[in-house]
Amino acid sequence: MKRSYLAYWWRHAPPTIWGERLLAGILLGLLAFSHGLLYAAAALPWQAPDEPRHFEHVRLVYDTGRPVTEADISLPLEGAIITSMDRYQFWRLGRFVNPRLPTNGSLPRRFEEIWYPGEYQPGEANLAHLLNQPPTYYLVTAAWLHLFPTNDVTTQLYLARLLSVLFSTGVILLAYLTVITLRPWDRFSAFIVPTFIALLPTHAYMSAIVNSDVMAEFLAALVFFLTARLLVARSVKLPDILTLLLALIIAIATKRTTVFLVPAVVLALAWRFWPRRWLQQPTLKRALLPVATGGVIGFFLLWQSGFLQDLSQSIGGDALAGELFLHPGRYLVAPFEGFWGRFGWLNINLPPLWYAFPGLLCAVALIGLVGSLWRTAPEDKINPALVAFSLIAIAFSLGLNIANAAVANANTIWVVFVPQGRYLFAAVIPISLLLVLGWRDWIPPRWRTIAIAPVLLTLFIWDIAVLFGVVFPGLYG
């Protein structure tokens, strides 16, 4: 009798016991941290997008103790970084466009000899340094480096990567908190969403390097969690809204690409405070005005920021449509490939046939997600506010990514830019949540808890296959 009761509780009881949640959180944190350390150690120094230039910014702040400008550029520091880059085969692996090999047996002396002005278009700004980036991440990372008694650039690079792993671990924990906040009865999603993010190979690689994207993703995850609390809270107080807005401001101050959060948060606030009589209307009608409001306000804010004006001046609407029609792979397939399988300087890719597996996962999730909209059981129904919020965040994130690439292609001479899937990681929580909810719909309710184990095993196998079949051979082969 006791055994049957425990079996029934494990299969059917909602995960409301704090002991279970605490244990799950600890295990997920350990998984994320250890997995992140593995990728931080596996990635050769400097073998990630813009890592030398991001580290230079960190180190200049470390040396000066303040935000820096081009007047603070240090030739000895550049020389030390370039020497370390050469030691770890940067010239063989580090550039995915226009490789610049050392000439006459000597190394470049400055970053301008590697990322040289005019590389993409005549008269362009100096791209050899990333000192125009918002200073938030670099101030935090420089303060972190002061905790350790070393000035060796390679050692400090690994220490900065350790901080990135901590940020990434925070993202996984916030993903877990977000799911149990939105769906406290859904043990399947609570386990699979954060584990999927932790074991996604590209996410693990790009979140274990020195790049301001890692802190921006953590802050975006915090915004998603605070928004989830706002959506389900019985009452919302002013401090809740102010905390959400503060996290949003800090995220944008860390990385400007997180501006996609603005329309998503506006949508969530509109949904939360919309007149109650609308909550009695059918789902589609109920969604119409909040979604439209979020879209209009988001468009207005983007217009006020000047981004859309720059886009319209650089490439007209007809030209942009023509670009998308003539080169769909450039703007639509590339983000998918980058999200699932591009490593190093985005020059280590999955074999083409390997993309069939994530393509299948996405197709299964999409069919399941559409099917779940017609479910009537309370445990199967998906909050339309959750779907709308997630879709707005994903759409704006992807749209800005594509628009940036289109503008760059309009202004370049010979280099072709493609949207980068790694820029979608700031929206990895809503992406993962929709994927997992779609997979969940295919599983009969009584088997969902049991199905956790085989799904986790599948994610582990995929991660190991990519790590040993693609990443290691690409870096060390």
Protein backbone atom coordinates (compact mmCIF):
# COMPACT_ATOMS: atom_id res chain seq x y z
CA MET A 1 0.00 0.00 0.00
CA LYS A 2 2.78 2.42 0.90
CA ARG A 3 4.64 1.70 -2.32
CA SER A 4 1.55 2.29 -4.47
CA TYR A 5 0.88 5.62 -2.71
CA LEU A 6 4.44 6.84 -3.29
CA ALA A 7 4.27 5.74 -6.94
CA TYR A 8 0.99 7.61 -7.38
CA TRP A 9 2.40 10.74 -5.69
CA TRP A 10 5.51 10.74 -7.89
CA ARG A 11 3.45 10.39 -11.07
CA HIS A 12 0.58 12.76 -10.30
CA ALA A 13 1.39 15.18 -7.49
CA PRO A 14 2.17 18.75 -8.62
CA PRO A 15 5.67 19.89 -7.63
CA THR A 16 4.51 22.16 -4.83
CA ILE A 17 6.83 20.86 -2.13
CA TRP A 18 9.68 23.30 -1.58
CA GLY A 19 12.09 20.52 -0.70
CA GLU A 20 11.68 19.00 -4.16
CA ARG A 21 12.06 22.39 -5.83
CA LEU A 22 15.15 23.23 -3.81
CA LEU A 23 16.75 19.90 -4.65
CA ALA A 24 15.88 20.33 -8.33
CA GLY A 25 17.34 23.84 -8.30
CA ILE A 26 20.57 22.64 -6.72
CA LEU A 27 20.94 19.80 -9.24
CA LEU A 28 20.20 22.10 -12.17
CA GLY A 29 22.69 24.65 -10.86
CA LEU A 30 25.40 22.00 -10.51
CA LEU A 31 24.65 20.67 -14.00
CA ALA A 32 24.77 24.14 -15.55
CA PHE A 33 27.97 25.15 -13.74
CA SER A 34 29.89 21.93 -14.42
CA HIS A 35 28.73 21.82 -18.05
CA GLY A 36 29.70 25.47 -18.51
CA LEU A 37 33.15 24.82 -17.05
CA LEU A 38 33.60 21.96 -19.51
CA TYR A 39 32.94 24.24 -22.48
CA ALA A 40 34.99 27.11 -21.00
CA ALA A 41 37.95 24.75 -20.77
CA ALA A 42 37.29 23.09 -24.14
CA ALA A 43 37.23 26.35 -26.12
CA LEU A 44 40.77 27.39 -26.95
CA PRO A 45 41.64 30.93 -25.80
CA TRP A 46 40.39 33.64 -28.18
CA GLN A 47 38.42 31.12 -30.28
CA ALA A 48 35.05 32.85 -29.97
CA PRO A 49 33.47 35.85 -31.71
CA ASP A 50 35.30 39.09 -30.81
CA GLU A 51 36.77 37.60 -27.64
CA PRO A 52 40.17 39.35 -28.01
CA ARG A 53 38.49 42.74 -28.38
CA HIS A 54 36.02 42.18 -25.54
CA PHE A 55 38.86 41.10 -23.28
CA GLU A 56 40.90 44.15 -24.26
CA HIS A 57 38.01 46.36 -23.12
CA VAL A 58 37.82 44.45 -19.82
CA ARG A 59 41.54 44.69 -19.24
CA LEU A 60 41.69 48.42 -20.00
CA VAL A 61 38.95 49.01 -17.42
CA TYR A 62 40.87 46.74 -15.04
CA ASP A 63 44.02 48.84 -15.52
CA THR A 64 42.39 52.27 -15.34
CA GLY A 65 39.57 51.62 -12.88
CA ARG A 66 36.99 53.52 -14.99
CA PRO A 67 35.16 53.45 -18.34
CA VAL A 68 37.63 53.89 -21.17
CA THR A 69 37.95 55.55 -24.56
CA GLU A 70 40.32 55.09 -27.50
CA ALA A 71 42.76 57.40 -25.72
CA ASP A 72 43.35 54.57 -23.21
CA ILE A 73 44.39 51.97 -25.81
CA SER A 74 47.61 50.25 -24.73
CA LEU A 75 50.11 48.91 -27.27
CA PRO A 76 51.81 46.63 -24.68
CA LEU A 77 48.39 45.14 -23.83
CA GLU A 78 47.61 44.54 -27.51
CA GLY A 79 51.01 42.90 -27.93
CA ALA A 80 50.43 40.58 -24.96
CA ILE A 81 47.01 39.56 -26.29
CA ILE A 82 48.34 39.00 -29.83
CA THR A 83 51.20 36.87 -28.48
CA SER A 84 48.70 34.71 -26.59
CA MET A 85 46.48 34.52 -29.68
CA ASP A 86 49.43 33.22 -31.70
CA ARG A 87 50.29 30.68 -29.00
CA TYR A 88 46.78 29.21 -29.26
CA GLN A 89 46.57 29.02 -33.08
CA PHE A 90 44.34 32.02 -33.60
CA TRP A 91 45.57 32.41 -37.18
CA ARG A 92 44.37 28.93 -38.07
CA LEU A 93 40.95 29.13 -36.47
CA GLY A 94 40.15 32.62 -35.35
CA ARG A 95 38.77 34.47 -38.36
CA PHE A 96 35.80 33.43 -40.44
CA VAL A 97 36.27 36.23 -42.99
CA ASN A 98 39.43 37.70 -44.56
CA PRO A 99 42.06 35.75 -42.56
CA ARG A 100 45.16 37.84 -41.87
CA LEU A 101 48.22 35.67 -41.45
CA PRO A 102 51.47 37.05 -39.98
CA THR A 103 53.84 38.18 -42.76
CA ASN A 104 57.61 37.93 -42.89
CA GLY A 105 57.60 35.69 -39.84
CA SER A 106 56.48 38.49 -37.53
CA LEU A 107 53.24 38.92 -35.61
CA PRO A 108 50.90 41.87 -35.99
CA ARG A 109 51.73 44.58 -33.48
CA ARG A 110 48.28 46.14 -33.17
CA PHE A 111 44.67 45.09 -33.52
CA GLU A 112 44.41 47.43 -36.54
CA GLU A 113 46.59 44.98 -38.44
CA ILE A 114 44.04 42.21 -37.78
CA TRP A 115 40.70 44.08 -37.87
CA TYR A 116 41.75 46.84 -40.21
CA PRO A 117 39.73 49.98 -41.10
CA GLY A 118 38.06 49.66 -44.50
CA GLU A 119 37.79 45.89 -44.19
CA TYR A 120 34.07 46.04 -44.95
CA GLN A 121 33.53 49.44 -46.55
CA PRO A 122 35.57 52.59 -47.33
CA GLY A 123 35.67 55.24 -44.64
CA GLU A 124 34.18 53.03 -41.93
CA ALA A 125 34.91 53.58 -38.25
CA ASN A 126 37.78 51.75 -36.61
CA LEU A 127 36.53 48.23 -35.86
CA ALA A 128 39.76 47.05 -34.25
CA HIS A 129 38.47 47.88 -30.76
CA LEU A 130 35.09 47.51 -29.05
CA LEU A 131 35.38 50.46 -26.71
CA ASN A 132 32.08 51.92 -27.92
CA GLN A 133 30.12 49.17 -26.18
CA PRO A 134 28.08 50.04 -23.04
CA PRO A 135 30.48 49.79 -20.08
CA THR A 136 28.31 47.79 -17.64
CA TYR A 137 29.66 44.31 -18.39
CA TYR A 138 33.26 45.48 -18.59
CA LEU A 139 33.09 47.27 -15.22
CA VAL A 140 31.63 44.16 -13.57
CA THR A 141 34.18 41.80 -15.15
CA ALA A 142 37.12 44.10 -14.30
CA ALA A 143 35.97 44.19 -10.67
CA TRP A 144 35.78 40.37 -10.75
CA LEU A 145 39.37 40.12 -12.01
CA HIS A 146 40.59 42.28 -9.12
CA LEU A 147 39.67 39.38 -6.82
CA PHE A 148 42.53 37.30 -8.23
CA PRO A 149 46.27 38.06 -7.93
CA THR A 150 47.39 37.74 -11.54
CA ASN A 151 47.99 40.01 -14.54
CA ASP A 152 48.67 37.29 -17.12
CA VAL A 153 46.25 37.87 -19.98
CA THR A 154 45.55 34.19 -20.68
CA THR A 155 44.90 33.42 -17.02
CA GLN A 156 42.66 36.46 -16.74
CA LEU A 157 40.81 35.33 -19.87
CA TYR A 158 39.93 32.05 -18.19
CA LEU A 159 38.91 33.87 -14.99
CA ALA A 160 36.62 36.11 -17.03
CA ARG A 161 35.19 32.98 -18.64
CA LEU A 162 34.49 31.64 -15.16
CA LEU A 163 32.34 34.71 -14.52
CA SER A 164 30.53 34.02 -17.80
CA VAL A 165 29.80 30.49 -16.59
CA LEU A 166 28.33 31.94 -13.39
CA PHE A 167 26.09 34.24 -15.43
CA SER A 168 25.03 31.27 -17.55
CA THR A 169 24.24 29.23 -14.44
CA GLY A 170 22.07 32.12 -13.29
CA VAL A 171 20.19 31.97 -16.60
CA ILE A 172 19.40 28.28 -16.10
CA LEU A 173 18.19 28.86 -12.54
CA LEU A 174 16.04 31.80 -13.63
CA ALA A 175 14.58 29.62 -16.38
CA TYR A 176 13.61 27.06 -13.74
CA LEU A 177 12.05 29.75 -11.53
CA THR A 178 10.18 31.18 -14.50
CA VAL A 179 8.60 27.83 -15.39
CA ILE A 180 7.51 26.94 -11.87
CA THR A 181 6.09 30.44 -11.52
CA LEU A 182 4.02 30.19 -14.71
CA ARG A 183 3.15 26.48 -14.45
CA PRO A 184 3.67 25.20 -10.88
CA TRP A 185 1.89 21.92 -11.66
CA ASP A 186 4.04 21.10 -14.70
CA ARG A 187 6.96 18.98 -13.51
CA PHE A 188 7.90 17.99 -17.06
CA SER A 189 8.47 21.56 -18.26
CA ALA A 190 10.11 22.56 -14.98
CA PHE A 191 12.85 19.97 -15.51
CA ILE A 192 13.19 20.00 -19.29
CA VAL A 193 13.26 23.76 -20.03
CA PRO A 194 16.34 24.61 -17.92
CA THR A 195 18.06 21.34 -18.84
CA PHE A 196 17.52 22.01 -22.54
CA ILE A 197 19.15 25.44 -22.16
CA ALA A 198 22.04 24.02 -20.12
CA LEU A 199 22.76 21.22 -22.60
CA LEU A 200 22.22 23.16 -25.82
CA PRO A 201 25.79 22.95 -27.20
CA THR A 202 25.90 26.34 -28.92
CA HIS A 203 24.48 28.06 -25.85
CA ALA A 204 26.99 26.33 -23.61
CA TYR A 205 29.87 27.40 -25.87
CA MET A 206 28.81 31.02 -26.39
CA SER A 207 27.92 31.44 -22.71
CA ALA A 208 31.37 30.31 -21.56
CA ILE A 209 33.39 33.00 -23.36
CA VAL A 210 34.30 36.63 -22.69
CA ASN A 211 31.51 38.65 -24.26
CA SER A 212 29.01 41.20 -22.98
CA ASP A 213 26.23 39.01 -24.39
CA VAL A 214 26.49 36.67 -21.38
CA MET A 215 25.57 39.37 -18.85
CA ALA A 216 22.88 40.74 -21.16
CA GLU A 217 21.35 37.26 -21.39
CA PHE A 218 21.35 36.94 -17.60
CA LEU A 219 19.57 40.28 -17.25
CA ALA A 220 17.10 39.32 -19.99
CA ALA A 221 16.39 36.10 -18.08
CA LEU A 222 15.77 38.19 -14.96
CA VAL A 223 13.33 40.35 -16.93
CA PHE A 224 11.48 37.23 -18.12
CA PHE A 225 11.24 35.90 -14.56
CA LEU A 226 9.97 39.20 -13.14
CA THR A 227 7.48 39.42 -16.00
CA ALA A 228 6.27 35.89 -15.26
CA ARG A 229 5.66 36.87 -11.64
CA LEU A 230 3.73 39.91 -12.80
CA LEU A 231 1.54 37.86 -15.15
CA VAL A 232 0.41 35.37 -12.48
CA ALA A 233 0.36 37.53 -9.33
CA ARG A 234 -3.02 38.09 -7.72
CA SER A 235 -2.07 41.69 -7.02
CA VAL A 236 0.75 43.80 -8.40
CA LYS A 237 2.45 46.43 -6.30
CA LEU A 238 4.46 49.42 -7.43
CA PRO A 239 7.80 47.92 -6.25
CA ASP A 240 7.16 44.91 -8.53
CA ILE A 241 6.80 47.14 -11.57
CA LEU A 242 9.77 49.32 -10.60
CA THR A 243 11.99 46.24 -10.14
CA LEU A 244 11.00 44.96 -13.57
CA LEU A 245 11.69 48.33 -15.21
CA LEU A 246 15.04 48.63 -13.42
CA ALA A 247 16.12 45.19 -14.66
CA LEU A 248 15.02 46.19 -18.18
CA ILE A 249 17.02 49.42 -18.06
CA ILE A 250 20.17 47.66 -16.82
CA ALA A 251 19.79 45.00 -19.55
CA ILE A 252 19.65 47.66 -22.27
CA ALA A 253 22.55 49.50 -20.61
CA THR A 254 24.55 46.26 -20.87
CA LYS A 255 23.77 45.38 -24.50
CA ARG A 256 21.68 47.47 -26.85
CA THR A 257 20.35 44.36 -28.61
CA THR A 258 18.17 43.67 -25.54
CA VAL A 259 15.89 46.50 -26.71
CA PHE A 260 13.67 43.69 -28.04
CA LEU A 261 12.54 43.22 -24.43
CA VAL A 262 10.72 46.56 -24.47
CA PRO A 263 7.72 45.56 -26.63
CA ALA A 264 7.48 42.22 -24.81
CA VAL A 265 7.35 43.91 -21.41
CA VAL A 266 4.88 46.50 -22.73
CA LEU A 267 2.67 43.64 -23.92
CA ALA A 268 2.86 41.96 -20.51
CA LEU A 269 1.95 45.17 -18.70
CA ALA A 270 -0.92 45.83 -21.13
CA TRP A 271 -2.21 42.31 -20.62
CA ARG A 272 -1.92 42.51 -16.85
CA PHE A 273 -3.72 45.84 -16.47
CA TRP A 274 -6.23 45.61 -19.30
CA PRO A 275 -9.88 46.29 -18.24
CA ARG A 276 -11.33 43.22 -16.60
CA ARG A 277 -14.33 43.04 -18.92
CA TRP A 278 -11.97 41.98 -21.72
CA LEU A 279 -10.93 38.96 -19.71
CA GLN A 280 -14.42 37.56 -20.22
CA GLN A 281 -14.09 37.61 -24.02
CA PRO A 282 -12.95 34.68 -26.21
CA THR A 283 -9.23 34.04 -26.27
CA LEU A 284 -8.47 35.49 -29.71
CA LYS A 285 -10.43 38.68 -29.07
CA ARG A 286 -8.88 38.92 -25.63
CA ALA A 287 -5.43 38.78 -27.16
CA LEU A 288 -6.06 41.27 -29.95
CA LEU A 289 -5.86 44.63 -28.22
CA PRO A 290 -2.96 43.87 -25.83
CA VAL A 291 -0.90 42.39 -28.68
CA ALA A 292 -1.72 45.32 -30.93
CA THR A 293 -0.89 47.76 -28.15
CA GLY A 294 2.46 46.10 -27.46
CA GLY A 295 3.29 46.05 -31.17
CA VAL A 296 2.36 49.72 -31.73
CA ILE A 297 4.27 50.94 -28.67
CA GLY A 298 7.27 48.76 -29.54
CA PHE A 299 7.28 50.13 -33.10
CA PHE A 300 7.04 53.70 -31.76
CA LEU A 301 9.97 53.17 -29.40
CA LEU A 302 12.11 51.69 -32.18
CA TRP A 303 11.23 54.62 -34.41
CA GLN A 304 12.10 57.11 -31.68
CA SER A 305 15.44 55.39 -31.14
CA GLY A 306 16.37 56.21 -34.76
CA PHE A 307 16.98 52.58 -35.71
CA LEU A 308 14.14 52.38 -38.22
CA GLN A 309 15.16 55.66 -39.82
CA ASP A 310 18.68 54.34 -40.29
CA LEU A 311 17.26 51.15 -41.74
CA SER A 312 15.02 53.00 -44.17
CA GLN A 313 17.90 55.21 -45.30
CA SER A 314 20.31 52.30 -45.71
CA ILE A 315 17.99 49.91 -47.50
CA GLY A 316 14.51 50.66 -48.79
CA GLY A 317 11.52 48.48 -48.10
CA ASP A 318 11.52 47.07 -51.62
CA ALA A 319 15.24 46.30 -51.40
CA LEU A 320 14.80 44.61 -48.05
CA ALA A 321 11.92 42.51 -49.36
CA GLY A 322 14.03 41.65 -52.39
CA GLU A 323 16.93 40.60 -50.17
CA LEU A 324 14.68 38.33 -48.11
CA PHE A 325 13.08 36.85 -51.24
CA LEU A 326 16.33 36.30 -53.14
CA HIS A 327 18.38 35.08 -50.18
CA PRO A 328 16.04 33.30 -47.72
CA GLY A 329 18.87 31.07 -46.52
CA ARG A 330 20.93 34.11 -45.61
CA TYR A 331 18.27 35.63 -43.36
CA LEU A 332 16.11 32.72 -42.25
CA VAL A 333 18.17 29.54 -42.32
CA ALA A 334 21.35 31.09 -40.89
CA PRO A 335 19.77 32.04 -37.53
CA PHE A 336 18.48 28.48 -37.19
CA GLU A 337 21.91 27.03 -37.94
CA GLY A 338 23.61 29.47 -35.59
CA PHE A 339 21.20 28.73 -32.75
CA TRP A 340 21.73 24.98 -32.99
CA GLY A 341 25.26 24.44 -34.24
CA ARG A 342 27.92 27.09 -34.90
CA PHE A 343 31.03 27.26 -32.76
CA GLY A 344 34.39 28.99 -32.61
CA TRP A 345 34.27 32.14 -34.73
CA LEU A 346 31.08 30.68 -36.23
CA ASN A 347 33.31 28.72 -38.60
CA ILE A 348 32.88 25.32 -36.91
CA ASN A 349 29.48 24.04 -38.01
CA LEU A 350 27.39 20.93 -37.70
CA PRO A 351 27.50 18.67 -40.76
CA PRO A 352 24.48 19.53 -42.95
CA LEU A 353 22.61 16.32 -42.23
CA TRP A 354 22.93 16.89 -38.48
CA TYR A 355 20.57 19.85 -38.70
CA ALA A 356 17.78 17.40 -39.49
CA PHE A 357 17.55 16.47 -35.81
CA PRO A 358 16.93 19.99 -34.43
CA GLY A 359 14.67 20.59 -37.44
CA LEU A 360 12.61 17.57 -36.40
CA LEU A 361 12.50 18.81 -32.79
CA CYS A 362 11.19 22.19 -33.96
CA ALA A 363 8.56 20.63 -36.24
CA VAL A 364 7.31 18.33 -33.48
CA ALA A 365 7.16 21.26 -31.05
CA LEU A 366 5.27 23.47 -33.50
CA ILE A 367 2.63 20.82 -34.22
CA GLY A 368 2.24 20.07 -30.52
CA LEU A 369 2.02 23.76 -29.60
CA VAL A 370 -0.70 24.40 -32.18
CA GLY A 371 -2.58 21.33 -30.99
CA SER A 372 -2.41 22.44 -27.36
CA LEU A 373 -4.46 25.57 -28.17
CA TRP A 374 -7.53 23.32 -28.49
CA ARG A 375 -7.00 21.41 -25.26
CA THR A 376 -9.65 21.75 -22.59
CA ALA A 377 -7.99 20.04 -19.61
CA PRO A 378 -6.65 22.66 -17.16
CA GLU A 379 -3.21 21.04 -17.00
CA ASP A 380 -2.96 21.09 -20.82
CA LYS A 381 -4.16 24.62 -21.51
CA ILE A 382 -1.49 27.24 -22.19
CA ASN A 383 -1.97 30.79 -20.97
CA PRO A 384 -2.47 32.90 -24.13
CA ALA A 385 -0.63 35.76 -22.43
CA LEU A 386 2.40 33.48 -22.10
CA VAL A 387 2.31 32.52 -25.79
CA ALA A 388 1.82 36.12 -26.92
CA PHE A 389 4.61 37.42 -24.68
CA SER A 390 7.01 34.70 -25.87
CA LEU A 391 6.19 35.21 -29.54
CA ILE A 392 6.61 38.99 -29.28
CA ALA A 393 10.02 38.57 -27.60
CA ILE A 394 11.20 36.01 -30.18
CA ALA A 395 9.85 37.96 -33.16
CA PHE A 396 11.45 41.25 -32.15
CA SER A 397 14.73 39.57 -31.27
CA LEU A 398 14.87 37.76 -34.61
CA GLY A 399 13.60 40.78 -36.54
CA LEU A 400 16.29 43.08 -35.16
CA ASN A 401 18.90 40.43 -35.88
CA ILE A 402 17.78 40.13 -39.52
CA ALA A 403 17.47 43.91 -39.97
CA ASN A 404 20.98 44.51 -38.64
CA ALA A 405 22.38 42.00 -41.13
CA ALA A 406 20.39 43.55 -43.99
CA VAL A 407 21.66 47.05 -43.16
CA ALA A 408 25.23 45.76 -42.96
CA ASN A 409 24.92 44.05 -46.34
CA ALA A 410 23.58 47.27 -47.86
CA ASN A 411 26.70 49.12 -46.72
CA THR A 412 29.40 46.56 -47.41
CA ILE A 413 31.43 45.96 -50.55
CA TRP A 414 32.37 42.29 -50.53
CA VAL A 415 31.62 40.77 -47.12
CA VAL A 416 28.23 39.08 -46.72
CA PHE A 417 26.71 39.34 -43.25
CA VAL A 418 24.21 36.82 -41.94
CA PRO A 419 21.99 36.99 -38.84
CA GLN A 420 23.71 35.18 -36.00
CA GLY A 421 21.80 32.59 -34.02
CA ARG A 422 23.78 33.40 -30.88
CA TYR A 423 21.95 36.73 -30.67
CA LEU A 424 18.74 34.77 -30.02
CA PHE A 425 20.10 33.47 -26.73
CA ALA A 426 18.85 36.58 -24.95
CA ALA A 427 15.40 35.14 -25.71
CA VAL A 428 16.37 31.55 -24.96
CA ILE A 429 13.84 31.17 -22.12
CA PRO A 430 10.70 31.87 -24.22
CA ILE A 431 12.16 29.88 -27.13
CA SER A 432 12.85 26.88 -24.90
CA LEU A 433 9.53 27.15 -23.11
CA LEU A 434 7.54 27.04 -26.35
CA LEU A 435 9.64 24.13 -27.65
CA VAL A 436 9.13 22.10 -24.48
CA LEU A 437 5.40 22.85 -24.26
CA GLY A 438 5.07 21.62 -27.84
CA TRP A 439 6.93 18.39 -27.05
CA ARG A 440 4.88 17.92 -23.90
CA ASP A 441 1.62 17.95 -25.84
CA TRP A 442 2.60 14.73 -27.62
CA ILE A 443 2.98 12.82 -24.34
CA PRO A 444 -0.12 11.37 -22.62
CA PRO A 445 -0.60 13.03 -19.19
CA ARG A 446 0.03 9.86 -17.19
CA TRP A 447 3.42 9.35 -18.90
CA ARG A 448 4.79 12.90 -18.62
CA THR A 449 6.72 12.46 -15.41
CA ILE A 450 8.16 9.15 -16.57
CA ALA A 451 9.06 10.76 -19.92
CA ILE A 452 11.42 13.19 -18.20
CA ALA A 453 14.20 10.58 -18.07
CA PRO A 454 14.26 9.60 -21.80
CA VAL A 455 14.01 13.27 -22.86
CA LEU A 456 16.95 14.18 -20.59
CA LEU A 457 18.90 11.22 -21.98
CA THR A 458 18.23 12.41 -25.55
CA LEU A 459 19.52 15.91 -24.70
CA PHE A 460 22.65 14.44 -23.10
CA ILE A 461 23.35 12.22 -26.12
CA TRP A 462 22.95 15.16 -28.51
CA ASP A 463 25.29 17.30 -26.42
CA ILE A 464 27.96 14.60 -26.23
CA ALA A 465 27.67 13.87 -29.96
CA VAL A 466 28.15 17.53 -30.86
CA LEU A 467 30.97 18.04 -28.38
CA PHE A 468 33.03 15.05 -29.50
CA GLY A 469 31.87 14.90 -33.10
CA VAL A 470 32.05 18.61 -34.01
CA VAL A 471 33.55 20.92 -31.38
CA PHE A 472 36.67 18.96 -30.41
CA PRO A 473 37.58 17.97 -33.99
CA GLY A 474 36.99 21.53 -35.16
CA LEU A 475 39.22 23.06 -32.48
CA TYR A 476 41.88 20.42 -32.09
CA GLY A 477 41.71 18.35 -35.29
